[in-house]
Amino acid sequence: MTGALLVASVFGYGLMILCGRVLGPADYKVFLAFWGLIFGLGSAISPVEQEVSRLAAQAELDGRRTGPDALRTVGVAAVLVALFGLVLFIPPVNERLFDGHAELVAITVCGGLGYVVLYGVRGLLIGHRRIPAYAGITVVEPTVRVALAVLLVVVGLAGIVPLAVAVAAGVLAWVVFTPVTARLLDRRGPGAGWRPVTRTTLQLMAGSTLTATVVTGFPAMVSLLAPAGDPAVVGAFLSALTLARFPLVALLPVQALAVPAIVRLSATADGRRRLHGWLLKGVVGVVVVGVVGAAAGAAVGPWLVRLVYGQGFVVAGWAVAGLVFSSVLLAGVQLLAAVLLARGRAGAVLRTWAATAAPSLAVLAWWPADTVVSSVLGLVVGPAVGVLVGFVAVWRRGGAG
């Protein structure tokens, strides 16, 4: 599983770097808006994987296959993605996001619908501890993207739209694994019904949408809320952001792994006590690692951005330091949210991510400074508030599960 996550992360970021070098800073800004939106949408849909993995883990503990609530969760998420797609087709919205490349809207929506099914399949696999299959689907998804993108570059079709198609194609990885997952489902088994599933899914996806605004979708938020500024300067800053967010993209599958593990751990009083202690140490560790990482980012970050993307990508050391510190804080928020989700507290997950996203976006939109300064400040303040709110929510019920 560790090997699969490493391969997926390297391939994903390798593709991002390839696109940056092929397109250049100005076009890369448009591409990053698409990248941020489709992967932000993927992040918003990711609770499908976590909730299905929770249902599957509980079913396995009960000695049965996963019931119809898993399919209901996927269905609700698909409807939400389709509704979101209608908003993107509004001309002023897609013009501001994609700067004349309206075809990117259709690619984004198709990719989002593919993500819904992909995450449902992944949730079933990990919830029932089908680790080899889960590792396989984790590797196949980015491999398809990279292979198609390299082919397009080789044949001379390395424009924004063809590369966007390559990015979206990876979500079709689920097709290969449908025979395995079909055996894990029991459509006539016990379930809570449509109303509770819809309520839980709405809460989790609302929280995850807020997550996406400060993780994978932040470049799109910059285009919407703070579009002014030199495109080359902002593009270079967003390139540094994508590098600083590298651990968080890798952490998304870890969240899915954590949910069924916490379900099993919370089944006993001793397990709940151990989990409580780990959380306290983890929050302290987040602060320590964040400070050390920020210092390292300030020292080598600007050089690393130029090394990876090219000499035209210039960003200040203080900005990289803030982005690294923000990423570490967000990792803490993600794991706290996974604990709350495993305990069935969807409302607390939503409140935690609202406390994270609201300050970040408010500072980005209204702080009286240039785009880079307001972005860095917002990305530090918001996650700090989110860690505090999430930790309090977990701690209050830490011993009770």
Protein backbone atom coordinates (compact mmCIF):
# COMPACT_ATOMS: atom_id res chain seq x y z
CA MET A 1 0.00 0.00 0.00
CA THR A 2 2.85 2.39 0.85
CA GLY A 3 4.50 1.64 -2.48
CA ALA A 4 1.26 2.29 -4.34
CA LEU A 5 0.76 5.65 -2.62
CA LEU A 6 4.32 6.68 -3.43
CA VAL A 7 3.93 5.71 -7.09
CA ALA A 8 0.60 7.53 -7.34
CA SER A 9 2.01 10.69 -5.73
CA VAL A 10 5.15 10.75 -7.89
CA PHE A 11 3.17 10.13 -11.08
CA GLY A 12 0.61 12.79 -10.20
CA TYR A 13 3.18 15.44 -9.48
CA GLY A 14 5.30 14.34 -12.41
CA LEU A 15 2.34 15.08 -14.67
CA MET A 16 1.84 18.48 -13.06
CA ILE A 17 5.49 19.37 -13.57
CA LEU A 18 5.42 18.15 -17.18
CA CYS A 19 2.42 20.35 -17.94
CA GLY A 20 4.09 23.36 -16.32
CA ARG A 21 7.23 23.00 -18.38
CA VAL A 22 5.31 22.46 -21.63
CA LEU A 23 2.79 25.29 -21.21
CA GLY A 24 4.83 28.10 -19.59
CA PRO A 25 3.77 30.41 -16.70
CA ALA A 26 0.86 32.29 -18.34
CA ASP A 27 -0.92 29.27 -19.92
CA TYR A 28 -0.06 27.20 -16.86
CA LYS A 29 -2.14 29.61 -14.76
CA VAL A 30 -5.22 28.68 -16.84
CA PHE A 31 -4.33 24.99 -16.68
CA LEU A 32 -3.86 25.17 -12.91
CA ALA A 33 -7.34 26.68 -12.59
CA PHE A 34 -8.66 23.56 -14.38
CA TRP A 35 -6.34 21.29 -12.36
CA GLY A 36 -7.45 22.91 -9.12
CA LEU A 37 -11.11 22.65 -10.07
CA ILE A 38 -11.14 19.00 -11.18
CA PHE A 39 -9.02 17.81 -8.28
CA GLY A 40 -10.89 20.15 -5.99
CA LEU A 41 -14.06 18.47 -7.20
CA GLY A 42 -12.35 15.12 -6.61
CA SER A 43 -11.55 16.22 -3.06
CA ALA A 44 -15.14 17.34 -2.56
CA ILE A 45 -16.31 13.89 -3.67
CA SER A 46 -13.71 12.03 -1.57
CA PRO A 47 -16.12 11.55 1.39
CA VAL A 48 -17.84 9.00 -0.85
CA GLU A 49 -14.76 6.81 -0.44
CA GLN A 50 -14.53 7.47 3.28
CA GLU A 51 -18.23 6.90 3.99
CA VAL A 52 -18.38 3.76 1.82
CA SER A 53 -15.23 2.47 3.55
CA ARG A 54 -16.92 3.07 6.92
CA LEU A 55 -20.03 1.18 5.80
CA ALA A 56 -17.88 -1.64 4.39
CA ALA A 57 -15.75 -1.91 7.54
CA GLN A 58 -18.86 -2.07 9.72
CA ALA A 59 -20.35 -4.73 7.43
CA GLU A 60 -17.18 -6.78 7.67
CA LEU A 61 -17.23 -6.54 11.46
CA ASP A 62 -20.81 -7.86 11.31
CA GLY A 63 -19.75 -10.70 8.98
CA ARG A 64 -21.74 -9.61 5.94
CA ARG A 65 -21.38 -7.86 2.58
CA THR A 66 -21.90 -4.10 2.26
CA GLY A 67 -25.55 -3.11 1.98
CA PRO A 68 -27.36 -0.73 -0.40
CA ASP A 69 -26.42 2.43 1.51
CA ALA A 70 -23.08 2.37 -0.33
CA LEU A 71 -24.89 2.62 -3.68
CA ARG A 72 -27.18 5.32 -2.29
CA THR A 73 -24.12 7.35 -1.25
CA VAL A 74 -22.71 7.11 -4.77
CA GLY A 75 -26.06 8.09 -6.29
CA VAL A 76 -26.49 11.18 -4.13
CA ALA A 77 -22.95 12.32 -4.93
CA ALA A 78 -23.51 11.88 -8.69
CA VAL A 79 -26.61 14.12 -8.58
CA LEU A 80 -24.65 16.80 -6.71
CA VAL A 81 -21.83 16.73 -9.27
CA ALA A 82 -24.31 17.11 -12.12
CA LEU A 83 -25.89 20.14 -10.42
CA PHE A 84 -22.46 21.67 -9.89
CA GLY A 85 -21.73 21.16 -13.57
CA LEU A 86 -24.75 23.28 -14.52
CA VAL A 87 -23.25 26.19 -12.59
CA LEU A 88 -19.95 25.86 -14.46
CA PHE A 89 -21.75 26.16 -17.79
CA ILE A 90 -22.89 29.72 -16.93
CA PRO A 91 -20.79 31.89 -19.32
CA PRO A 92 -19.49 34.46 -16.77
CA VAL A 93 -18.36 31.63 -14.48
CA ASN A 94 -16.47 29.56 -17.04
CA GLU A 95 -15.00 32.69 -18.67
CA ARG A 96 -13.51 33.84 -15.39
CA LEU A 97 -12.27 30.38 -14.49
CA PHE A 98 -10.92 29.22 -17.85
CA ASP A 99 -10.23 32.45 -19.77
CA GLY A 100 -11.94 31.46 -23.02
CA HIS A 101 -11.42 27.68 -22.84
CA ALA A 102 -15.08 26.80 -22.24
CA GLU A 103 -14.52 23.18 -23.31
CA LEU A 104 -12.71 22.66 -20.01
CA VAL A 105 -16.12 22.80 -18.30
CA ALA A 106 -17.34 19.60 -20.00
CA ILE A 107 -14.05 17.84 -19.20
CA THR A 108 -14.35 18.87 -15.55
CA VAL A 109 -17.93 17.57 -15.20
CA CYS A 110 -17.14 14.23 -16.88
CA GLY A 111 -14.14 13.83 -14.62
CA GLY A 112 -16.25 14.60 -11.56
CA LEU A 113 -18.84 11.95 -12.41
CA GLY A 114 -16.04 9.45 -12.97
CA TYR A 115 -14.62 10.31 -9.56
CA VAL A 116 -17.93 9.45 -7.88
CA VAL A 117 -17.79 5.85 -9.12
CA LEU A 118 -14.03 5.59 -8.57
CA TYR A 119 -14.34 6.58 -4.93
CA GLY A 120 -17.23 4.21 -4.36
CA VAL A 121 -15.16 1.33 -5.73
CA ARG A 122 -12.12 2.34 -3.66
CA GLY A 123 -14.22 2.60 -0.50
CA LEU A 124 -15.54 -0.93 -0.90
CA LEU A 125 -12.06 -2.31 -1.52
CA ILE A 126 -10.38 -0.70 1.46
CA GLY A 127 -13.35 -1.24 3.80
CA HIS A 128 -13.23 -4.98 3.10
CA ARG A 129 -9.41 -4.97 3.31
CA ARG A 130 -8.84 -5.88 -0.33
CA ILE A 131 -5.43 -4.22 -0.09
CA PRO A 132 -3.84 -5.54 -3.34
CA ALA A 133 -6.82 -4.41 -5.40
CA TYR A 134 -6.91 -1.03 -3.64
CA ALA A 135 -3.19 -0.58 -4.27
CA GLY A 136 -3.76 -1.51 -7.90
CA ILE A 137 -6.49 1.05 -8.52
CA THR A 138 -4.39 3.69 -6.74
CA VAL A 139 -1.58 3.11 -9.24
CA VAL A 140 -3.69 2.65 -12.39
CA GLU A 141 -5.41 6.05 -12.06
CA PRO A 142 -2.27 8.28 -12.28
CA THR A 143 -0.53 5.88 -14.67
CA VAL A 144 -3.27 6.36 -17.27
CA ARG A 145 -2.93 10.13 -16.94
CA VAL A 146 0.83 10.19 -17.30
CA ALA A 147 0.90 7.73 -20.22
CA LEU A 148 -1.71 9.66 -22.18
CA ALA A 149 -0.10 13.04 -21.45
CA VAL A 150 3.34 11.84 -22.54
CA LEU A 151 1.82 10.44 -25.74
CA LEU A 152 0.15 13.80 -26.47
CA VAL A 153 3.43 15.66 -25.91
CA VAL A 154 5.30 13.27 -28.20
CA VAL A 155 2.79 13.68 -31.06
CA GLY A 156 2.73 17.46 -30.67
CA LEU A 157 -0.72 17.92 -29.07
CA ALA A 158 0.47 19.42 -25.79
CA GLY A 159 -2.11 22.19 -25.52
CA ILE A 160 -4.29 23.07 -22.53
CA VAL A 161 -7.34 21.11 -23.70
CA PRO A 162 -5.57 17.85 -24.75
CA LEU A 163 -3.64 17.77 -21.47
CA ALA A 164 -6.90 18.37 -19.58
CA VAL A 165 -8.41 15.32 -21.33
CA ALA A 166 -5.42 13.26 -20.18
CA VAL A 167 -5.96 14.40 -16.61
CA ALA A 168 -9.65 13.48 -16.64
CA ALA A 169 -9.06 10.07 -18.27
CA GLY A 170 -7.44 8.67 -15.14
CA VAL A 171 -10.75 8.44 -13.27
CA LEU A 172 -11.82 5.56 -15.55
CA ALA A 173 -9.50 3.26 -13.59
CA TRP A 174 -12.54 1.88 -11.73
CA VAL A 175 -13.68 -0.01 -14.85
CA VAL A 176 -10.93 -2.61 -14.39
CA PHE A 177 -11.99 -3.36 -10.80
CA THR A 178 -15.77 -3.67 -11.07
CA PRO A 179 -15.77 -7.52 -10.98
CA VAL A 180 -14.05 -7.48 -7.58
CA THR A 181 -16.31 -4.86 -6.05
CA ALA A 182 -19.52 -6.47 -7.33
CA ARG A 183 -18.84 -9.46 -5.07
CA LEU A 184 -18.61 -7.18 -2.02
CA LEU A 185 -22.10 -5.68 -2.41
CA ASP A 186 -25.46 -6.93 -1.20
CA ARG A 187 -28.14 -4.73 -2.74
CA ARG A 188 -30.86 -6.34 -0.62
CA GLY A 189 -28.96 -6.13 2.66
CA PRO A 190 -29.77 -3.87 5.63
CA GLY A 191 -29.50 -0.11 5.22
CA ALA A 192 -30.58 3.19 6.74
CA GLY A 193 -32.51 4.36 3.67
CA TRP A 194 -32.32 7.32 1.32
CA ARG A 195 -33.11 10.13 3.78
CA PRO A 196 -30.33 9.49 6.35
CA VAL A 197 -27.85 8.65 3.59
CA THR A 198 -28.69 11.86 1.73
CA ARG A 199 -28.31 13.96 4.89
CA THR A 200 -24.96 12.41 5.77
CA THR A 201 -23.65 12.66 2.20
CA LEU A 202 -24.69 16.31 1.92
CA GLN A 203 -22.94 17.17 5.17
CA LEU A 204 -19.76 15.32 4.27
CA MET A 205 -19.58 16.70 0.73
CA ALA A 206 -20.25 20.24 1.95
CA GLY A 207 -17.35 19.83 4.37
CA SER A 208 -15.17 18.35 1.67
CA THR A 209 -16.06 21.13 -0.75
CA LEU A 210 -14.74 23.53 1.83
CA THR A 211 -11.65 21.30 2.12
CA ALA A 212 -11.08 21.56 -1.61
CA THR A 213 -11.11 25.36 -1.54
CA VAL A 214 -7.93 25.37 0.57
CA VAL A 215 -6.23 22.19 -0.70
CA THR A 216 -6.46 21.21 -4.37
CA GLY A 217 -8.92 23.89 -5.45
CA PHE A 218 -7.13 26.98 -4.15
CA PRO A 219 -5.76 28.01 -7.59
CA ALA A 220 -9.35 28.19 -8.83
CA MET A 221 -10.27 30.28 -5.76
CA VAL A 222 -7.47 32.70 -6.61
CA SER A 223 -8.86 33.08 -10.13
CA LEU A 224 -12.36 33.72 -8.78
CA LEU A 225 -11.64 35.91 -5.74
CA ALA A 226 -8.32 37.61 -6.52
CA PRO A 227 -7.82 37.56 -10.30
CA ALA A 228 -5.71 40.75 -10.40
CA GLY A 229 -1.93 40.69 -10.61
CA ASP A 230 0.84 39.70 -12.99
CA PRO A 231 -0.13 36.27 -14.42
CA ALA A 232 3.51 35.13 -14.43
CA VAL A 233 4.01 36.08 -10.76
CA VAL A 234 0.76 34.46 -9.68
CA GLY A 235 1.48 31.40 -11.83
CA ALA A 236 4.89 30.99 -10.18
CA PHE A 237 3.31 31.30 -6.72
CA LEU A 238 0.65 28.71 -7.58
CA SER A 239 3.41 26.40 -8.80
CA ALA A 240 5.03 26.68 -5.37
CA LEU A 241 1.63 25.96 -3.84
CA THR A 242 1.26 22.73 -5.83
CA LEU A 243 4.66 21.54 -4.57
CA ALA A 244 3.82 22.46 -0.98
CA ARG A 245 0.52 20.56 -1.26
CA PHE A 246 2.30 17.36 -2.37
CA PRO A 247 1.91 15.62 1.05
CA LEU A 248 -1.80 16.46 1.20
CA VAL A 249 -2.61 14.83 -2.13
CA ALA A 250 -0.78 11.72 -0.93
CA LEU A 251 -2.71 11.91 2.36
CA LEU A 252 -6.17 11.62 0.77
CA PRO A 253 -5.90 7.82 0.36
CA VAL A 254 -4.44 7.64 3.88
CA GLN A 255 -7.65 9.22 5.17
CA ALA A 256 -9.64 6.43 3.53
CA LEU A 257 -7.32 3.90 5.18
CA ALA A 258 -7.73 5.64 8.54
CA VAL A 259 -11.54 5.56 8.62
CA PRO A 260 -12.04 1.75 8.72
CA ALA A 261 -9.04 1.42 11.06
CA ILE A 262 -10.63 3.91 13.48
CA VAL A 263 -13.98 2.09 13.20
CA ARG A 264 -12.29 -1.12 14.34
CA LEU A 265 -10.20 0.64 17.00
CA SER A 266 -13.24 2.42 18.44
CA ALA A 267 -15.04 -0.90 18.94
CA THR A 268 -13.29 -1.38 22.33
CA ALA A 269 -12.72 0.90 25.35
CA ASP A 270 -8.97 0.24 25.30
CA GLY A 271 -8.79 1.15 21.62
CA ARG A 272 -10.61 4.42 22.24
CA ARG A 273 -8.19 5.34 25.04
CA ARG A 274 -5.18 4.65 22.83
CA LEU A 275 -6.66 6.70 20.01
CA HIS A 276 -7.24 9.60 22.42
CA GLY A 277 -3.55 9.62 23.41
CA TRP A 278 -2.35 9.43 19.81
CA LEU A 279 -4.45 12.45 18.87
CA LEU A 280 -2.91 14.61 21.60
CA LYS A 281 0.62 13.69 20.50
CA GLY A 282 -0.34 14.19 16.88
CA VAL A 283 -1.52 17.79 17.33
CA VAL A 284 1.72 18.71 19.12
CA GLY A 285 3.66 17.00 16.35
CA VAL A 286 1.81 18.99 13.68
CA VAL A 287 3.00 22.29 15.18
CA VAL A 288 6.61 21.10 15.54
CA VAL A 289 6.80 19.65 12.04
CA GLY A 290 5.13 22.77 10.63
CA VAL A 291 7.77 25.09 12.09
CA VAL A 292 10.66 22.90 10.91
CA GLY A 293 9.10 22.51 7.46
CA ALA A 294 8.54 26.26 7.13
CA ALA A 295 12.21 26.94 7.86
CA ALA A 296 13.27 24.38 5.26
CA GLY A 297 10.79 25.81 2.74
CA ALA A 298 12.17 29.32 3.15
CA ALA A 299 15.73 28.08 2.64
CA VAL A 300 15.34 25.81 -0.38
CA GLY A 301 11.81 26.42 -1.67
CA PRO A 302 12.52 29.14 -4.27
CA TRP A 303 15.44 27.15 -5.68
CA LEU A 304 13.33 23.98 -5.82
CA VAL A 305 10.52 25.74 -7.71
CA ARG A 306 13.00 27.00 -10.32
CA LEU A 307 14.62 23.57 -10.56
CA VAL A 308 11.31 21.79 -11.11
CA TYR A 309 9.47 24.26 -13.31
CA GLY A 310 12.19 26.41 -14.90
CA GLN A 311 13.98 29.72 -14.35
CA GLY A 312 10.87 31.74 -15.24
CA PHE A 313 9.11 30.59 -12.04
CA VAL A 314 10.29 33.00 -9.32
CA VAL A 315 8.75 32.97 -5.82
CA ALA A 316 9.88 34.45 -2.48
CA GLY A 317 11.21 32.27 0.34
CA TRP A 318 8.77 33.65 2.93
CA ALA A 319 5.86 32.65 0.68
CA VAL A 320 7.11 29.06 0.40
CA ALA A 321 7.59 28.94 4.19
CA GLY A 322 3.98 29.97 4.75
CA LEU A 323 2.71 27.42 2.22
CA VAL A 324 4.63 24.56 3.84
CA PHE A 325 3.40 25.51 7.34
CA SER A 326 -0.15 25.69 5.97
CA SER A 327 0.15 22.23 4.39
CA VAL A 328 1.27 20.66 7.66
CA LEU A 329 -1.63 22.26 9.53
CA LEU A 330 -4.06 21.01 6.88
CA ALA A 331 -2.70 17.48 7.28
CA GLY A 332 -3.68 17.71 10.94
CA VAL A 333 -7.17 18.92 10.03
CA GLN A 334 -7.60 16.05 7.56
CA LEU A 335 -6.75 13.38 10.12
CA LEU A 336 -8.96 14.96 12.80
CA ALA A 337 -11.81 14.99 10.26
CA ALA A 338 -11.18 11.29 9.52
CA VAL A 339 -11.63 10.47 13.22
CA LEU A 340 -14.89 12.42 13.37
CA LEU A 341 -16.15 10.74 10.18
CA ALA A 342 -15.31 7.27 11.51
CA ARG A 343 -17.41 8.04 14.56
CA GLY A 344 -20.36 9.02 12.37
CA ARG A 345 -20.18 12.73 13.26
CA ALA A 346 -20.73 14.26 9.84
CA GLY A 347 -21.94 17.56 11.31
CA ALA A 348 -18.70 18.00 13.27
CA VAL A 349 -16.70 17.32 10.10
CA LEU A 350 -18.62 20.07 8.32
CA ARG A 351 -18.05 22.55 11.17
CA THR A 352 -14.33 21.78 11.23
CA TRP A 353 -13.85 22.45 7.53
CA ALA A 354 -16.07 25.55 7.64
CA ALA A 355 -13.81 26.92 10.37
CA THR A 356 -10.82 26.18 8.09
CA ALA A 357 -12.10 27.52 4.78
CA ALA A 358 -14.02 30.63 5.86
CA PRO A 359 -11.03 32.56 7.28
CA SER A 360 -8.81 31.47 4.35
CA LEU A 361 -11.22 32.71 1.68
CA ALA A 362 -12.13 35.86 3.60
CA VAL A 363 -8.50 36.91 3.84
CA LEU A 364 -7.91 36.05 0.17
CA ALA A 365 -10.86 38.17 -0.96
CA TRP A 366 -10.64 41.16 1.38
CA TRP A 367 -7.18 41.51 2.89
CA PRO A 368 -5.69 44.79 1.55
CA ALA A 369 -2.55 43.33 -0.02
CA ASP A 370 -1.43 41.76 -3.29
CA THR A 371 -2.57 38.28 -4.30
CA VAL A 372 0.50 36.45 -3.00
CA VAL A 373 0.48 38.08 0.45
CA SER A 374 -3.26 37.61 1.01
CA SER A 375 -3.08 34.01 -0.26
CA VAL A 376 -0.27 33.02 2.11
CA LEU A 377 -1.85 34.76 5.09
CA GLY A 378 -5.23 33.15 4.45
CA LEU A 379 -3.70 29.71 4.00
CA VAL A 380 -2.02 29.96 7.41
CA VAL A 381 -4.85 31.50 9.43
CA GLY A 382 -7.63 29.21 8.21
CA PRO A 383 -5.94 25.83 8.89
CA ALA A 384 -4.78 27.03 12.31
CA VAL A 385 -8.40 27.73 13.26
CA GLY A 386 -9.44 24.37 11.74
CA VAL A 387 -6.95 22.39 13.83
CA LEU A 388 -8.27 24.03 16.99
CA VAL A 389 -11.94 23.44 16.17
CA GLY A 390 -11.36 19.84 15.02
CA PHE A 391 -9.29 18.93 18.07
CA VAL A 392 -11.89 20.33 20.46
CA ALA A 393 -14.63 18.33 18.66
CA VAL A 394 -12.65 15.09 18.93
CA TRP A 395 -11.43 15.71 22.49
CA ARG A 396 -14.91 16.30 23.89
CA ARG A 397 -15.95 12.80 22.85
CA GLY A 398 -12.43 11.29 22.78
CA GLY A 399 -13.10 8.63 25.37
CA ALA A 400 -16.63 7.88 24.36
CA GLY A 401 -16.09 7.07 20.70
